[in-house]
PDB file of N, CA and C in Angstrom:
ATOM      1  N   MET A   1      -7.122  10.008   2.869  1.00  0.00           N
ATOM      2  CA  MET A   1      -6.114   9.268   3.615  1.00  0.00           C
ATOM      3  C   MET A   1      -5.291  10.299   4.393  1.00  0.00           C
ATOM      4  N   THR A   2      -5.127  10.050   5.671  1.00  0.00           N
ATOM      5  CA  THR A   2      -4.392  11.011   6.486  1.00  0.00           C
ATOM      6  C   THR A   2      -3.028  10.507   6.941  1.00  0.00           C
ATOM      7  N   LYS A   3      -2.856   9.191   7.022  1.00  0.00           N
ATOM      8  CA  LYS A   3      -1.575   8.636   7.445  1.00  0.00           C
ATOM      9  C   LYS A   3      -1.371   7.300   6.758  1.00  0.00           C
ATOM     10  N   MET A   4      -0.127   7.016   6.416  1.00  0.00           N
ATOM     11  CA  MET A   4       0.147   5.777   5.724  1.00  0.00           C
ATOM     12  C   MET A   4       1.427   5.164   6.290  1.00  0.00           C
ATOM     13  N   GLU A   5       1.394   3.878   6.499  1.00  0.00           N
ATOM     14  CA  GLU A   5       2.570   3.118   6.904  1.00  0.00           C
ATOM     15  C   GLU A   5       2.742   2.007   5.896  1.00  0.00           C
ATOM     16  N   VAL A   6       3.953   1.887   5.343  1.00  0.00           N
ATOM     17  CA  VAL A   6       4.230   0.890   4.314  1.00  0.00           C
ATOM     18  C   VAL A   6       5.360   0.024   4.753  1.00  0.00           C
ATOM     19  N   LEU A   7       5.172  -1.262   4.656  1.00  0.00           N
ATOM     20  CA  LEU A   7       6.213  -2.234   5.000  1.00  0.00           C
ATOM     21  C   LEU A   7       6.459  -3.126   3.781  1.00  0.00           C
ATOM     22  N   PHE A   8       7.708  -3.288   3.406  1.00  0.00           N
ATOM     23  CA  PHE A   8       8.106  -4.204   2.326  1.00  0.00           C
ATOM     24  C   PHE A   8       8.960  -5.275   2.942  1.00  0.00           C
ATOM     25  N   SER A   9       8.821  -6.483   2.469  1.00  0.00           N
ATOM     26  CA  SER A   9       9.723  -7.542   2.913  1.00  0.00           C
ATOM     27  C   SER A   9      10.261  -8.283   1.725  1.00  0.00           C
ATOM     28  N   VAL A  10      11.432  -8.867   1.888  1.00  0.00           N
ATOM     29  CA  VAL A  10      12.092  -9.614   0.849  1.00  0.00           C
ATOM     30  C   VAL A  10      11.356 -10.907   0.586  1.00  0.00           C
ATOM     31  N   PHE A  11      11.211 -11.263  -0.678  1.00  0.00           N
ATOM     32  CA  PHE A  11      10.512 -12.471  -1.066  1.00  0.00           C
ATOM     33  C   PHE A  11      11.105 -13.687  -0.308  1.00  0.00           C
ATOM     34  N   GLY A  12      10.257 -14.431   0.380  1.00  0.00           N
ATOM     35  CA  GLY A  12      10.707 -15.609   1.122  1.00  0.00           C
ATOM     36  C   GLY A  12      11.124 -15.325   2.532  1.00  0.00           C
ATOM     37  N   SER A  13      11.216 -14.030   2.939  1.00  0.00           N
ATOM     38  CA  SER A  13      11.609 -13.736   4.313  1.00  0.00           C
ATOM     39  C   SER A  13      10.376 -13.749   5.197  1.00  0.00           C
ATOM     40  N   GLU A  14      10.630 -13.738   6.485  1.00  0.00           N
ATOM     41  CA  GLU A  14       9.527 -13.686   7.442  1.00  0.00           C
ATOM     42  C   GLU A  14       9.187 -12.234   7.832  1.00  0.00           C
ATOM     43  N   GLY A  15       9.909 -11.281   7.262  1.00  0.00           N
ATOM     44  CA  GLY A  15       9.650  -9.849   7.531  1.00  0.00           C
ATOM     45  C   GLY A  15       9.986  -9.404   8.927  1.00  0.00           C
ATOM     46  N   LEU A  16      10.921 -10.095   9.561  1.00  0.00           N
ATOM     47  CA  LEU A  16      11.247  -9.780  10.960  1.00  0.00           C
ATOM     48  C   LEU A  16      12.243  -8.627  11.082  1.00  0.00           C
ATOM     49  N   THR A  17      13.063  -8.386  10.071  1.00  0.00           N
ATOM     50  CA  THR A  17      14.043  -7.306  10.127  1.00  0.00           C
ATOM     51  C   THR A  17      13.409  -6.056   9.479  1.00  0.00           C
ATOM     52  N   ILE A  18      13.366  -4.961  10.242  1.00  0.00           N
ATOM     53  CA  ILE A  18      12.733  -3.720   9.742  1.00  0.00           C
ATOM     54  C   ILE A  18      13.807  -2.636   9.677  1.00  0.00           C
ATOM     55  N   GLU A  19      13.917  -2.009   8.518  1.00  0.00           N
ATOM     56  CA  GLU A  19      14.813  -0.852   8.317  1.00  0.00           C
ATOM     57  C   GLU A  19      13.931   0.320   7.886  1.00  0.00           C
ATOM     58  N   THR A  20      14.120   1.480   8.512  1.00  0.00           N
ATOM     59  CA  THR A  20      13.355   2.671   8.133  1.00  0.00           C
ATOM     60  C   THR A  20      14.089   3.375   7.004  1.00  0.00           C
ATOM     61  N   LYS A  21      13.368   3.665   5.951  1.00  0.00           N
ATOM     62  CA  LYS A  21      13.900   4.357   4.779  1.00  0.00           C
ATOM     63  C   LYS A  21      12.887   5.442   4.358  1.00  0.00           C
ATOM     64  N   THR A  22      13.416   6.458   3.713  1.00  0.00           N
ATOM     65  CA  THR A  22      12.516   7.462   3.088  1.00  0.00           C
ATOM     66  C   THR A  22      12.351   7.071   1.639  1.00  0.00           C
ATOM     67  N   PHE A  23      11.315   7.614   0.998  1.00  0.00           N
ATOM     68  CA  PHE A  23      11.139   7.307  -0.420  1.00  0.00           C
ATOM     69  C   PHE A  23      12.336   7.762  -1.233  1.00  0.00           C
ATOM     70  N   ASP A  24      13.016   8.823  -0.790  1.00  0.00           N
ATOM     71  CA  ASP A  24      14.209   9.307  -1.524  1.00  0.00           C
ATOM     72  C   ASP A  24      15.399   8.366  -1.396  1.00  0.00           C
ATOM     73  N   ASP A  25      15.405   7.551  -0.343  1.00  0.00           N
ATOM     74  CA  ASP A  25      16.514   6.620  -0.122  1.00  0.00           C
ATOM     75  C   ASP A  25      16.439   5.371  -0.969  1.00  0.00           C
ATOM     76  N   VAL A  26      15.289   5.092  -1.527  1.00  0.00           N
ATOM     77  CA  VAL A  26      15.062   3.783  -2.168  1.00  0.00           C
ATOM     78  C   VAL A  26      15.009   3.945  -3.684  1.00  0.00           C
ATOM     79  N   ARG A  27      15.734   3.103  -4.405  1.00  0.00           N
ATOM     80  CA  ARG A  27      15.667   3.022  -5.853  1.00  0.00           C
ATOM     81  C   ARG A  27      14.962   1.727  -6.198  1.00  0.00           C
ATOM     82  N   VAL A  28      13.935   1.814  -7.031  1.00  0.00           N
ATOM     83  CA  VAL A  28      13.061   0.643  -7.271  1.00  0.00           C
ATOM     84  C   VAL A  28      12.834   0.450  -8.770  1.00  0.00           C
ATOM     85  N   LYS A  29      12.753  -0.834  -9.118  1.00  0.00           N
ATOM     86  CA  LYS A  29      12.285  -1.216 -10.457  1.00  0.00           C
ATOM     87  C   LYS A  29      11.013  -1.995 -10.297  1.00  0.00           C
ATOM     88  N   TYR A  30       9.996  -1.554 -11.010  1.00  0.00           N
ATOM     89  CA  TYR A  30       8.696  -2.213 -10.986  1.00  0.00           C
ATOM     90  C   TYR A  30       8.376  -2.698 -12.391  1.00  0.00           C
ATOM     91  N   ARG A  31       8.264  -4.024 -12.532  1.00  0.00           N
ATOM     92  CA  ARG A  31       8.017  -4.654 -13.830  1.00  0.00           C
ATOM     93  C   ARG A  31       9.101  -4.233 -14.818  1.00  0.00           C
ATOM     94  N   GLY A  32      10.349  -4.170 -14.336  1.00  0.00           N
ATOM     95  CA  GLY A  32      11.489  -3.911 -15.164  1.00  0.00           C
ATOM     96  C   GLY A  32      11.800  -2.457 -15.460  1.00  0.00           C
ATOM     97  N   GLN A  33      10.978  -1.524 -15.004  1.00  0.00           N
ATOM     98  CA  GLN A  33      11.170  -0.103 -15.225  1.00  0.00           C
ATOM     99  C   GLN A  33      11.509   0.619 -13.926  1.00  0.00           C
ATOM    100  N   SER A  34      12.476   1.529 -13.982  1.00  0.00           N
ATOM    101  CA  SER A  34      12.772   2.352 -12.806  1.00  0.00           C
ATOM    102  C   SER A  34      11.612   3.267 -12.560  1.00  0.00           C
ATOM    103  N   ILE A  35      11.160   3.352 -11.303  1.00  0.00           N
ATOM    104  CA  ILE A  35      10.033   4.205 -10.970  1.00  0.00           C
ATOM    105  C   ILE A  35      10.326   5.052  -9.731  1.00  0.00           C
ATOM    106  N   GLU A  36       9.550   6.094  -9.535  1.00  0.00           N
ATOM    107  CA  GLU A  36       9.532   6.844  -8.302  1.00  0.00           C
ATOM    108  C   GLU A  36       8.574   6.054  -7.395  1.00  0.00           C
ATOM    109  N   LEU A  37       9.037   5.643  -6.240  1.00  0.00           N
ATOM    110  CA  LEU A  37       8.244   4.780  -5.373  1.00  0.00           C
ATOM    111  C   LEU A  37       7.070   5.496  -4.723  1.00  0.00           C
ATOM    112  N   GLU A  38       7.270   6.743  -4.311  1.00  0.00           N
ATOM    113  CA  GLU A  38       6.183   7.424  -3.566  1.00  0.00           C
ATOM    114  C   GLU A  38       4.884   7.538  -4.331  1.00  0.00           C
ATOM    115  N   PRO A  39       4.890   7.991  -5.593  1.00  0.00           N
ATOM    116  CA  PRO A  39       3.572   8.069  -6.312  1.00  0.00           C
ATOM    117  C   PRO A  39       2.963   6.687  -6.553  1.00  0.00           C
ATOM    118  N   GLN A  40       3.804   5.691  -6.732  1.00  0.00           N
ATOM    119  CA  GLN A  40       3.283   4.332  -6.952  1.00  0.00           C
ATOM    120  C   GLN A  40       2.646   3.782  -5.673  1.00  0.00           C
ATOM    121  N   VAL A  41       3.304   4.007  -4.520  1.00  0.00           N
ATOM    122  CA  VAL A  41       2.746   3.569  -3.249  1.00  0.00           C
ATOM    123  C   VAL A  41       1.414   4.311  -2.977  1.00  0.00           C
ATOM    124  N   LEU A  42       1.378   5.603  -3.294  1.00  0.00           N
ATOM    125  CA  LEU A  42       0.143   6.360  -3.126  1.00  0.00           C
ATOM    126  C   LEU A  42      -0.981   5.757  -3.985  1.00  0.00           C
ATOM    127  N   SER A  43      -0.663   5.410  -5.215  1.00  0.00           N
ATOM    128  CA  SER A  43      -1.640   4.785  -6.097  1.00  0.00           C
ATOM    129  C   SER A  43      -2.150   3.459  -5.545  1.00  0.00           C
ATOM    130  N   TRP A  44      -1.220   2.602  -5.079  1.00  0.00           N
ATOM    131  CA  TRP A  44      -1.614   1.304  -4.467  1.00  0.00           C
ATOM    132  C   TRP A  44      -2.469   1.548  -3.234  1.00  0.00           C
ATOM    133  N   SER A  45      -2.111   2.563  -2.428  1.00  0.00           N
ATOM    134  CA  SER A  45      -2.856   2.864  -1.203  1.00  0.00           C
ATOM    135  C   SER A  45      -4.267   3.339  -1.533  1.00  0.00           C
ATOM    136  N   LEU A  46      -4.418   4.167  -2.516  1.00  0.00           N
ATOM    137  CA  LEU A  46      -5.748   4.651  -2.901  1.00  0.00           C
ATOM    138  C   LEU A  46      -6.605   3.493  -3.425  1.00  0.00           C
ATOM    139  N   GLU A  47      -5.988   2.542  -4.133  1.00  0.00           N
ATOM    140  CA  GLU A  47      -6.719   1.351  -4.577  1.00  0.00           C
ATOM    141  C   GLU A  47      -7.236   0.573  -3.383  1.00  0.00           C
ATOM    142  N   ALA A  48      -6.391   0.437  -2.365  1.00  0.00           N
ATOM    143  CA  ALA A  48      -6.803  -0.300  -1.142  1.00  0.00           C
ATOM    144  C   ALA A  48      -7.931   0.443  -0.429  1.00  0.00           C
ATOM    145  N   CYS A  49      -7.820   1.760  -0.348  1.00  0.00           N
ATOM    146  CA  CYS A  49      -8.883   2.540   0.299  1.00  0.00           C
ATOM    147  C   CYS A  49     -10.196   2.443  -0.470  1.00  0.00           C
ATOM    148  N   ASP A  50     -10.138   2.533  -1.795  1.00  0.00           N
ATOM    149  CA  ASP A  50     -11.312   2.416  -2.606  1.00  0.00           C
ATOM    150  C   ASP A  50     -11.988   1.057  -2.421  1.00  0.00           C
ATOM    151  N   SER A  51     -11.163   0.001  -2.409  1.00  0.00           N
ATOM    152  CA  SER A  51     -11.688  -1.337  -2.231  1.00  0.00           C
ATOM    153  C   SER A  51     -12.340  -1.488  -0.864  1.00  0.00           C
ATOM    154  N   ASP A  52     -11.715  -0.931   0.175  1.00  0.00           N
ATOM    155  CA  ASP A  52     -12.268  -1.002   1.522  1.00  0.00           C
ATOM    156  C   ASP A  52     -13.580  -0.219   1.614  1.00  0.00           C
ATOM    157  N   LEU A  53     -13.617   0.927   0.966  1.00  0.00           N
ATOM    158  CA  LEU A  53     -14.839   1.761   1.006  1.00  0.00           C
ATOM    159  C   LEU A  53     -16.002   1.014   0.427  1.00  0.00           C
ATOM    160  N   MET A  54     -15.776   0.296  -0.686  1.00  0.00           N
ATOM    161  CA  MET A  54     -16.878  -0.412  -1.342  1.00  0.00           C
ATOM    162  C   MET A  54     -17.384  -1.525  -0.434  1.00  0.00           C
ATOM    163  N   ALA A  55     -16.574  -2.046   0.459  1.00  0.00           N
ATOM    164  CA  ALA A  55     -17.002  -3.123   1.330  1.00  0.00           C
ATOM    165  C   ALA A  55     -17.675  -2.616   2.608  1.00  0.00           C
ATOM    166  N   PHE A  56     -17.706  -1.294   2.799  1.00  0.00           N
ATOM    167  CA  PHE A  56     -18.181  -0.718   4.053  1.00  0.00           C
ATOM    168  C   PHE A  56     -19.691  -0.796   4.187  1.00  0.00           C
ATOM    169  N   PHE A  57     -20.453  -0.487   3.162  1.00  0.00           N
ATOM    170  CA  PHE A  57     -21.894  -0.388   3.242  1.00  0.00           C
ATOM    171  C   PHE A  57     -22.551  -1.658   2.779  1.00  0.00           C
ATOM    172  N   ASN A  58     -23.323  -2.322   3.659  1.00  0.00           N
ATOM    173  CA  ASN A  58     -24.094  -3.495   3.281  1.00  0.00           C
ATOM    174  C   ASN A  58     -25.547  -3.131   2.946  1.00  0.00           C
ATOM    175  N   GLU A  59     -25.952  -1.940   3.337  1.00  0.00           N
ATOM    176  CA  GLU A  59     -27.304  -1.494   3.060  1.00  0.00           C
ATOM    177  C   GLU A  59     -27.252   0.037   2.918  1.00  0.00           C
ATOM    178  N   PRO A  60     -28.268   0.635   2.322  1.00  0.00           N
ATOM    179  CA  PRO A  60     -28.299   2.097   2.173  1.00  0.00           C
ATOM    180  C   PRO A  60     -28.182   2.788   3.548  1.00  0.00           C
ATOM    181  N   VAL A  61     -27.420   3.861   3.587  1.00  0.00           N
ATOM    182  CA  VAL A  61     -27.242   4.644   4.799  1.00  0.00           C
ATOM    183  C   VAL A  61     -27.504   6.104   4.509  1.00  0.00           C
ATOM    184  N   PRO A  62     -27.911   6.875   5.521  1.00  0.00           N
ATOM    185  CA  PRO A  62     -28.142   8.278   5.278  1.00  0.00           C
ATOM    186  C   PRO A  62     -26.843   9.018   4.896  1.00  0.00           C
ATOM    187  N   GLU A  63     -27.016  10.082   4.158  1.00  0.00           N
ATOM    188  CA  GLU A  63     -25.856  10.910   3.812  1.00  0.00           C
ATOM    189  C   GLU A  63     -25.227  11.441   5.056  1.00  0.00           C
ATOM    190  N   GLY A  64     -23.927  11.515   5.066  1.00  0.00           N
ATOM    191  CA  GLY A  64     -23.211  12.047   6.236  1.00  0.00           C
ATOM    192  C   GLY A  64     -21.762  11.699   6.228  1.00  0.00           C
ATOM    193  N   ILE A  65     -21.094  12.024   7.288  1.00  0.00           N
ATOM    194  CA  ILE A  65     -19.686  11.733   7.452  1.00  0.00           C
ATOM    195  C   ILE A  65     -19.582  10.594   8.445  1.00  0.00           C
ATOM    196  N   TYR A  66     -18.849   9.555   8.060  1.00  0.00           N
ATOM    197  CA  TYR A  66     -18.710   8.373   8.908  1.00  0.00           C
ATOM    198  C   TYR A  66     -17.241   8.170   9.251  1.00  0.00           C
ATOM    199  N   ASN A  67     -16.964   8.022  10.530  1.00  0.00           N
ATOM    200  CA  ASN A  67     -15.594   7.771  10.977  1.00  0.00           C
ATOM    201  C   ASN A  67     -15.209   6.351  10.590  1.00  0.00           C
ATOM    202  N   ARG A  68     -14.034   6.230  10.048  1.00  0.00           N
ATOM    203  CA  ARG A  68     -13.500   4.934   9.649  1.00  0.00           C
ATOM    204  C   ARG A  68     -12.220   4.676  10.372  1.00  0.00           C
ATOM    205  N   GLY A  69     -11.996   3.432  10.752  1.00  0.00           N
ATOM    206  CA  GLY A  69     -10.750   3.060  11.369  1.00  0.00           C
ATOM    207  C   GLY A  69      -9.703   2.818  10.289  1.00  0.00           C
ATOM    208  N   PRO A  70      -8.479   2.498  10.713  1.00  0.00           N
ATOM    209  CA  PRO A  70      -7.441   2.217   9.731  1.00  0.00           C
ATOM    210  C   PRO A  70      -7.747   0.946   8.950  1.00  0.00           C
ATOM    211  N   ILE A  71      -7.239   0.881   7.723  1.00  0.00           N
ATOM    212  CA  ILE A  71      -7.390  -0.354   6.961  1.00  0.00           C
ATOM    213  C   ILE A  71      -6.006  -0.966   6.796  1.00  0.00           C
ATOM    214  N   SER A  72      -5.999  -2.230   6.547  1.00  0.00           N
ATOM    215  CA  SER A  72      -4.765  -2.960   6.286  1.00  0.00           C
ATOM    216  C   SER A  72      -4.914  -3.705   4.974  1.00  0.00           C
ATOM    217  N   CYS A  73      -3.932  -3.648   4.154  1.00  0.00           N
ATOM    218  CA  CYS A  73      -3.944  -4.289   2.853  1.00  0.00           C
ATOM    219  C   CYS A  73      -2.591  -4.896   2.556  1.00  0.00           C
ATOM    220  N   VAL A  74      -2.591  -6.090   2.061  1.00  0.00           N
ATOM    221  CA  VAL A  74      -1.351  -6.744   1.616  1.00  0.00           C
ATOM    222  C   VAL A  74      -1.410  -6.771   0.097  1.00  0.00           C
ATOM    223  N   ARG A  75      -0.383  -6.246  -0.526  1.00  0.00           N
ATOM    224  CA  ARG A  75      -0.294  -6.289  -1.982  1.00  0.00           C
ATOM    225  C   ARG A  75       0.865  -7.207  -2.327  1.00  0.00           C
ATOM    226  N   PRO A  76       0.562  -8.467  -2.659  1.00  0.00           N
ATOM    227  CA  PRO A  76       1.632  -9.397  -3.003  1.00  0.00           C
ATOM    228  C   PRO A  76       2.206  -9.114  -4.380  1.00  0.00           C
ATOM    229  N   PHE A  77       3.501  -9.349  -4.509  1.00  0.00           N
ATOM    230  CA  PHE A  77       4.176  -9.204  -5.798  1.00  0.00           C
ATOM    231  C   PHE A  77       4.694 -10.564  -6.196  1.00  0.00           C
ATOM    232  N   VAL A  78       4.652 -10.856  -7.499  1.00  0.00           N
ATOM    233  CA  VAL A  78       5.279 -12.059  -7.952  1.00  0.00           C
ATOM    234  C   VAL A  78       6.803 -11.832  -7.935  1.00  0.00           C
ATOM    235  N   ARG A  79       7.549 -12.939  -7.939  1.00  0.00           N
ATOM    236  CA  ARG A  79       9.000 -12.824  -7.853  1.00  0.00           C
ATOM    237  C   ARG A  79       9.498 -11.930  -8.997  1.00  0.00           C
ATOM    238  N   GLU A  80      10.383 -11.001  -8.631  1.00  0.00           N
ATOM    239  CA  GLU A  80      11.012 -10.049  -9.520  1.00  0.00           C
ATOM    240  C   GLU A  80      10.110  -8.994 -10.130  1.00  0.00           C
ATOM    241  N   GLU A  81       8.889  -8.870  -9.613  1.00  0.00           N
ATOM    242  CA  GLU A  81       7.992  -7.789 -10.092  1.00  0.00           C
ATOM    243  C   GLU A  81       8.428  -6.446  -9.535  1.00  0.00           C
ATOM    244  N   LEU A  82       8.872  -6.438  -8.256  1.00  0.00           N
ATOM    245  CA  LEU A  82       9.337  -5.225  -7.598  1.00  0.00           C
ATOM    246  C   LEU A  82      10.698  -5.510  -6.999  1.00  0.00           C
ATOM    247  N   ILE A  83      11.716  -4.730  -7.455  1.00  0.00           N
ATOM    248  CA  ILE A  83      13.068  -4.942  -7.015  1.00  0.00           C
ATOM    249  C   ILE A  83      13.646  -3.651  -6.523  1.00  0.00           C
ATOM    250  N   SER A  84      14.314  -3.665  -5.374  1.00  0.00           N
ATOM    251  CA  SER A  84      14.974  -2.447  -4.900  1.00  0.00           C
ATOM    252  C   SER A  84      16.477  -2.693  -4.835  1.00  0.00           C
TER     253      SER A  84
END
């Protein structure tokens, strides 16, 4: 992964208001526990990349390097699972 863009929106909002924050600016509770957001976002991102990679090949392909475009993934949270 070379570049990552992460957008969070408030539950029930339309996500129209965007505020730029750094990982250091945000305090987050995930499933009731305070966490460092950056490593958790990296973990979620790698899960999305792994899932996308598995969907890439429909048939055997020769060994090599294949250019991939950006992927998009939505990770929904249940109410109060992630709180900032």
